[in-house]
N, C-alpha and C. Protein backbone atom coordinates (compact mmCIF):
# COMPACT_ATOMS: atom_id res chain seq x y z
N UNK A 1 0.73 -1.39 -0.43
CA UNK A 1 -0.15 -0.02 0.41
C UNK A 1 0.95 1.19 -0.32
N UNK A 2 1.72 1.43 0.90
CA UNK A 2 2.94 2.50 0.87
C UNK A 2 3.75 2.64 -0.39
N UNK A 3 3.90 1.64 -0.93
CA UNK A 3 4.65 1.46 -2.47
C UNK A 3 3.66 2.12 -3.70
N UNK A 4 2.86 1.49 -3.40
CA UNK A 4 1.99 2.31 -4.78
C UNK A 4 1.37 3.62 -4.14
N UNK A 5 1.38 3.99 -3.08
CA UNK A 5 0.97 5.50 -2.58
C UNK A 5 2.17 6.13 -3.03
N UNK A 6 3.46 5.88 -2.89
CA UNK A 6 5.00 6.37 -3.07
C UNK A 6 4.80 6.65 -4.64
N UNK A 7 4.37 5.54 -5.31
CA UNK A 7 4.70 5.45 -6.74
C UNK A 7 3.42 6.40 -7.48
N UNK A 8 2.33 6.60 -6.68
CA UNK A 8 1.60 7.42 -7.23
C UNK A 8 1.99 8.61 -7.07
N UNK A 9 2.63 9.49 -6.26
CA UNK A 9 2.76 10.31 -5.82
C UNK A 9 4.09 10.92 -6.88
N UNK A 10 4.99 10.12 -6.89
CA UNK A 10 6.12 10.25 -7.77
C UNK A 10 5.76 10.67 -9.18
N UNK A 11 4.98 9.66 -9.41
CA UNK A 11 4.42 9.88 -10.99
C UNK A 11 3.46 11.43 -11.26
N UNK A 12 2.87 11.81 -10.14
CA UNK A 12 2.25 12.86 -10.29
C UNK A 12 3.08 14.11 -10.60
N UNK A 13 4.06 13.99 -9.29
CA UNK A 13 4.82 15.10 -9.65
C UNK A 13 6.07 14.75 -10.95
N UNK A 14 6.08 14.04 -11.21
CA UNK A 14 6.92 13.53 -12.76
C UNK A 14 6.14 14.31 -13.67
N UNK A 15 4.76 14.19 -13.83
CA UNK A 15 3.60 14.96 -14.80
C UNK A 15 3.58 16.37 -14.80
N UNK A 16 3.47 16.80 -13.46
CA UNK A 16 3.58 17.98 -13.37
C UNK A 16 4.77 18.90 -13.68
N UNK A 17 6.15 17.94 -13.39
CA UNK A 17 7.40 18.73 -13.99
C UNK A 17 7.22 18.85 -15.43
N UNK A 18 7.03 17.77 -16.24
CA UNK A 18 7.09 17.85 -17.56
C UNK A 18 5.98 18.89 -17.92
N UNK A 19 5.19 18.98 -17.36
CA UNK A 19 3.83 20.06 -18.02
C UNK A 19 4.39 21.45 -17.28
N UNK A 20 5.18 22.07 -16.87
CA UNK A 20 5.76 22.69 -16.63
C UNK A 20 4.83 24.21 -16.29
N UNK A 21 3.88 24.81 -17.93
CA UNK A 21 3.07 25.59 -17.71
C UNK A 21 1.73 25.17 -16.97
N UNK A 22 1.59 24.21 -16.94
CA UNK A 22 0.05 23.79 -15.95
C UNK A 22 0.51 24.34 -14.47
N UNK A 23 1.68 23.44 -14.32
CA UNK A 23 2.05 23.76 -12.70
C UNK A 23 2.30 25.16 -12.64
N UNK A 24 2.53 26.14 -13.30
CA UNK A 24 2.57 27.31 -12.99
C UNK A 24 1.44 27.78 -12.74
N UNK A 25 0.39 27.84 -13.70
CA UNK A 25 -1.16 28.26 -13.70
C UNK A 25 -1.78 27.31 -12.19
N UNK A 26 -1.30 26.11 -11.95
CA UNK A 26 -1.83 25.93 -10.44
C UNK A 26 -0.95 26.40 -9.81
N UNK A 27 -0.17 26.93 -9.46
CA UNK A 27 0.58 27.84 -8.46
C UNK A 27 -0.10 29.46 -8.42
N UNK A 28 -0.36 29.69 -9.56
CA UNK A 28 -1.00 31.24 -9.58
C UNK A 28 -2.33 30.96 -8.95
N UNK A 29 -3.27 29.85 -9.75
CA UNK A 29 -4.36 29.17 -8.66
C UNK A 29 -3.95 29.43 -7.29
N UNK A 30 -3.51 28.65 -6.69
CA UNK A 30 -3.61 28.54 -5.61
C UNK A 30 -2.82 29.90 -4.71
N UNK A 31 -1.88 30.63 -5.45
CA UNK A 31 -1.65 31.99 -4.81
C UNK A 31 -3.14 32.75 -4.49
N UNK A 32 -3.97 32.86 -5.80
CA UNK A 32 -4.71 33.69 -5.77
C UNK A 32 -6.07 33.28 -4.73
N UNK A 33 -6.19 32.04 -4.63
CA UNK A 33 -6.80 31.66 -3.60
C UNK A 33 -6.50 31.94 -2.03
N UNK A 34 -5.16 31.83 -1.64
CA UNK A 34 -4.87 32.08 -0.58
C UNK A 34 -4.96 33.79 -0.35
N UNK A 35 -4.70 34.38 -1.16
CA UNK A 35 -5.15 35.94 -1.25
C UNK A 35 -6.49 36.26 -0.80
N UNK A 36 -7.63 35.13 -1.31
CA UNK A 36 -8.82 35.52 -1.35
C UNK A 36 -9.34 35.40 0.34
N UNK A 37 -8.54 34.30 0.51
CA UNK A 37 -8.95 33.55 2.12
C UNK A 37 -8.36 34.29 3.17
N UNK A 38 -6.87 34.95 2.72
CA UNK A 38 -6.56 35.92 3.32
C UNK A 38 -7.12 37.46 3.68
N UNK A 39 -7.68 37.87 2.70
CA UNK A 39 -8.52 39.00 2.64
C UNK A 39 -9.75 38.93 3.58
N UNK A 40 -10.10 37.60 4.05
CA UNK A 40 -11.60 37.32 4.64
C UNK A 40 -11.21 37.27 6.12
N UNK A 41 -10.08 37.23 6.37
CA UNK A 41 -9.44 36.77 7.89
C UNK A 41 -9.34 38.37 8.31
N UNK A 42 -9.75 38.56 9.98
CA UNK A 42 -10.04 39.25 10.47
C UNK A 42 -8.44 40.39 10.59
N UNK A 43 -8.70 41.88 10.32
CA UNK A 43 -7.26 42.47 10.08
C UNK A 43 -7.27 43.03 11.52
N UNK A 44 -7.95 43.19 12.49
CA UNK A 44 -7.26 43.45 14.02
C UNK A 44 -6.16 42.72 14.49
N UNK A 45 -5.41 43.36 15.47
CA UNK A 45 -4.87 42.70 16.27
C UNK A 45 -5.40 41.76 17.45
N UNK A 46 -6.30 42.47 18.15
CA UNK A 46 -7.23 41.58 18.89
C UNK A 46 -8.46 41.29 18.56
N UNK A 47 -8.43 39.67 18.65
CA UNK A 47 -9.59 39.25 18.21
C UNK A 47 -10.90 39.33 18.49
N UNK A 48 -12.06 39.44 17.93
CA UNK A 48 -13.31 39.85 18.69
C UNK A 48 -13.43 39.11 19.75
N UNK A 49 -13.29 38.28 20.33
CA UNK A 49 -13.79 37.42 21.53
C UNK A 49 -13.09 38.16 22.62
N UNK A 50 -12.05 39.34 22.49
CA UNK A 50 -11.31 39.91 23.52
C UNK A 50 -12.84 40.95 24.26
N UNK A 51 -12.27 39.87 25.32
CA UNK A 51 -13.03 41.04 26.76
C UNK A 51 -12.56 41.97 27.64
N UNK A 52 -11.69 42.76 27.04
CA UNK A 52 -11.19 43.66 27.27
C UNK A 52 -10.39 43.09 28.79
N UNK A 53 -9.57 42.38 28.83
CA UNK A 53 -8.79 42.10 30.15
C UNK A 53 -7.55 42.32 29.91
N UNK A 54 -6.83 42.60 31.02
CA UNK A 54 -5.12 42.95 30.68
C UNK A 54 -4.79 41.76 31.73
N UNK A 55 -3.57 41.18 31.18
CA UNK A 55 -2.89 39.92 32.26
C UNK A 55 -1.07 40.50 31.77
N UNK A 56 -0.34 40.82 32.83
CA UNK A 56 0.84 41.00 32.90
C UNK A 56 1.66 40.38 34.14
N UNK A 57 2.93 39.98 33.31
CA UNK A 57 3.66 38.94 34.23
C UNK A 57 5.17 39.75 34.52
N UNK A 58 5.36 39.96 35.96
CA UNK A 58 6.54 40.52 35.77
C UNK A 58 7.65 39.43 36.59
N UNK A 59 8.93 39.58 36.01
CA UNK A 59 9.93 38.71 36.88
C UNK A 59 11.06 39.38 37.02
N UNK A 60 11.66 39.50 38.02
CA UNK A 60 12.56 39.76 39.07
C UNK A 60 13.67 39.04 38.83
N UNK A 61 15.25 39.38 38.72
CA UNK A 61 16.17 38.42 38.80
C UNK A 61 15.86 37.39 39.66
N UNK A 62 16.82 36.15 39.93
CA UNK A 62 16.24 35.03 40.64
C UNK A 62 16.90 35.43 42.32
N UNK A 63 16.02 35.41 43.22
CA UNK A 63 16.61 35.28 44.53
C UNK A 63 16.55 36.73 44.71
N UNK A 64 15.76 37.26 43.96
CA UNK A 64 15.28 38.66 44.51
C UNK A 64 14.21 39.00 45.83
N UNK A 65 14.74 39.85 46.72
CA UNK A 65 13.51 39.58 48.07
C UNK A 65 11.90 40.35 47.23
N UNK A 66 11.13 39.72 48.11
CA UNK A 66 9.93 39.91 48.08
C UNK A 66 9.39 41.59 48.28
N UNK A 67 10.24 42.43 49.07
CA UNK A 67 10.16 43.80 49.44
C UNK A 67 10.66 44.16 47.87
N UNK A 68 11.82 43.96 47.25
CA UNK A 68 11.89 44.75 46.34
C UNK A 68 11.29 44.12 44.70
N UNK A 69 10.46 42.61 45.10
CA UNK A 69 9.29 42.76 43.84
C UNK A 69 7.94 43.38 44.33
N UNK A 70 7.63 43.66 45.57
CA UNK A 70 6.64 44.51 46.06
C UNK A 70 7.05 45.93 45.23
N UNK A 71 8.33 47.02 45.63
CA UNK A 71 8.43 48.29 45.02
C UNK A 71 8.07 47.87 43.49
N UNK A 72 8.84 46.99 42.69
CA UNK A 72 8.80 47.28 41.47
C UNK A 72 7.40 46.93 40.56
N UNK A 73 6.82 46.26 41.73
CA UNK A 73 5.33 46.06 41.53
C UNK A 73 4.14 47.01 41.39
N UNK A 74 4.39 48.00 42.56
CA UNK A 74 4.04 49.33 42.58
C UNK A 74 4.03 50.00 41.64
N UNK A 75 5.36 50.07 40.73
CA UNK A 75 5.70 50.78 39.65
C UNK A 75 5.06 50.50 38.45
N UNK A 76 5.00 49.10 38.19
CA UNK A 76 4.05 48.54 37.29
C UNK A 76 2.64 49.38 37.60
N UNK A 77 1.90 49.06 38.57
CA UNK A 77 0.78 49.41 39.00
C UNK A 77 0.65 50.67 38.41
N UNK A 78 1.42 51.52 38.33
CA UNK A 78 1.52 53.20 38.42
C UNK A 78 1.49 53.53 36.69
N UNK A 79 2.31 52.43 36.32
CA UNK A 79 1.99 52.54 34.57
C UNK A 79 0.82 52.16 34.11
N UNK A 80 0.40 50.81 34.73
CA UNK A 80 -0.62 50.64 33.93
C UNK A 80 -2.06 51.07 34.23
N UNK A 81 -2.06 51.97 35.54
CA UNK A 81 -3.06 52.90 35.45
C UNK A 81 -3.26 54.28 34.93
N UNK A 82 -2.04 54.66 34.58
CA UNK A 82 -1.68 55.69 33.90
C UNK A 82 -2.17 55.39 32.29
N UNK A 83 -2.34 53.54 31.50
CA UNK A 83 -2.53 54.11 30.57
C UNK A 83 -3.85 53.88 29.99
N UNK A 84 -4.28 54.82 29.17
CA UNK A 84 -5.45 54.76 28.70
C UNK A 84 -6.57 53.60 28.57
N UNK A 85 -7.78 53.62 28.96
CA UNK A 85 -8.49 52.66 29.09
C UNK A 85 -8.75 51.42 29.97
N UNK A 86 -7.46 51.61 31.06
CA UNK A 86 -7.05 50.72 31.80
C UNK A 86 -8.00 51.14 33.20
N UNK A 87 -9.48 50.49 33.79
CA UNK A 87 -9.84 50.80 35.03
C UNK A 87 -8.87 50.55 35.91
N UNK A 88 -8.86 49.38 36.29
CA UNK A 88 -8.15 48.90 37.80
C UNK A 88 -7.20 47.84 37.37
N UNK A 89 -6.43 47.65 38.12
CA UNK A 89 -5.32 46.50 38.13
C UNK A 89 -5.44 45.69 39.72
N UNK A 90 -5.33 44.73 39.55
CA UNK A 90 -5.38 43.69 40.81
C UNK A 90 -3.68 42.73 40.86
N UNK A 91 -3.03 43.39 41.75
CA UNK A 91 -1.57 42.84 41.58
C UNK A 91 -1.77 41.11 42.78
N UNK A 92 -1.08 40.29 42.39
CA UNK A 92 -0.28 39.20 43.22
C UNK A 92 0.76 38.91 43.16
N UNK A 93 1.40 39.53 44.35
CA UNK A 93 2.99 39.25 44.69
C UNK A 93 3.27 37.87 44.65
N UNK A 94 4.46 37.50 44.29
CA UNK A 94 4.94 36.35 45.05
C UNK A 94 4.46 35.21 44.22
N UNK A 95 3.86 35.21 43.01
CA UNK A 95 3.17 34.23 42.38
C UNK A 95 3.56 34.44 40.66
N UNK A 96 3.99 33.44 40.15
CA UNK A 96 3.77 33.52 38.51
C UNK A 96 2.81 32.98 37.64
N UNK A 97 1.80 33.52 37.31
CA UNK A 97 0.91 32.72 36.85
C UNK A 97 0.97 31.89 35.49
N UNK A 98 2.36 32.52 34.67
CA UNK A 98 3.09 31.24 33.45
C UNK A 98 3.18 30.27 33.84
N UNK A 99 4.02 30.05 34.95
CA UNK A 99 4.64 28.94 35.02
C UNK A 99 3.71 28.43 36.30
N UNK A 100 3.08 28.96 37.41
CA UNK A 100 2.52 28.40 38.37
C UNK A 100 3.22 28.04 39.74
N UNK A 101 4.31 28.61 39.96
CA UNK A 101 4.90 28.57 40.92
C UNK A 101 5.11 29.94 41.75
N UNK A 102 5.31 29.64 43.24
CA UNK A 102 5.15 30.70 43.89
C UNK A 102 6.42 30.83 44.20
N UNK A 103 6.99 32.28 44.13
CA UNK A 103 8.55 32.67 44.93
C UNK A 103 8.47 34.11 45.06
N UNK A 104 9.63 34.47 45.74
CA UNK A 104 9.61 35.83 45.84
C UNK A 104 9.63 36.75 44.65
N UNK A 105 9.98 36.24 43.67
CA UNK A 105 10.92 37.36 42.62
C UNK A 105 9.93 37.47 41.58
N UNK A 106 8.68 37.09 41.34
CA UNK A 106 7.44 36.89 40.82
C UNK A 106 6.50 37.78 40.89
N UNK A 107 5.51 38.53 39.64
CA UNK A 107 4.53 39.31 40.23
C UNK A 107 3.59 38.74 38.99
N UNK A 108 1.95 39.12 39.62
CA UNK A 108 1.16 39.04 38.33
C UNK A 108 0.33 39.70 38.52
N UNK A 109 -0.29 40.60 37.35
CA UNK A 109 -1.10 41.85 37.23
C UNK A 109 -2.52 40.86 36.21
N UNK A 110 -3.78 41.57 36.82
CA UNK A 110 -4.79 41.25 36.24
C UNK A 110 -5.62 43.02 36.25
N UNK A 111 -6.14 42.94 34.96
CA UNK A 111 -7.03 44.35 34.97
C UNK A 111 -7.90 44.52 34.21
N UNK A 112 -8.49 45.64 33.61
CA UNK A 112 -9.62 45.41 33.41
C UNK A 112 -9.71 46.63 32.60
N UNK A 113 -9.96 46.68 31.43
CA UNK A 113 -9.91 47.55 30.32
C UNK A 113 -11.24 47.74 29.84
């Protein structure tokens, strides 16, 4: 079965190679179809399913103290609150949402825009 499939594929490719004009037309058709389908895709960066939530992870160098992380988190909170469209921010210091690890050098921010 594998041998028949391989031989069929090789024969089909050989036919396309010998009929270069047909191959180029087929390539142009596929390119045009890709352009048509690509034009129908959403053009915005954010998907329509976006609910306006903000997720930010902060990670300081390994073994940074919890006090240093808290200080850096306050600065990040200030920056986020000054960002247009951000209503509020909740900070979780000592937790990394991306890895699910509790440590002293990570913080996680949840916001509503």
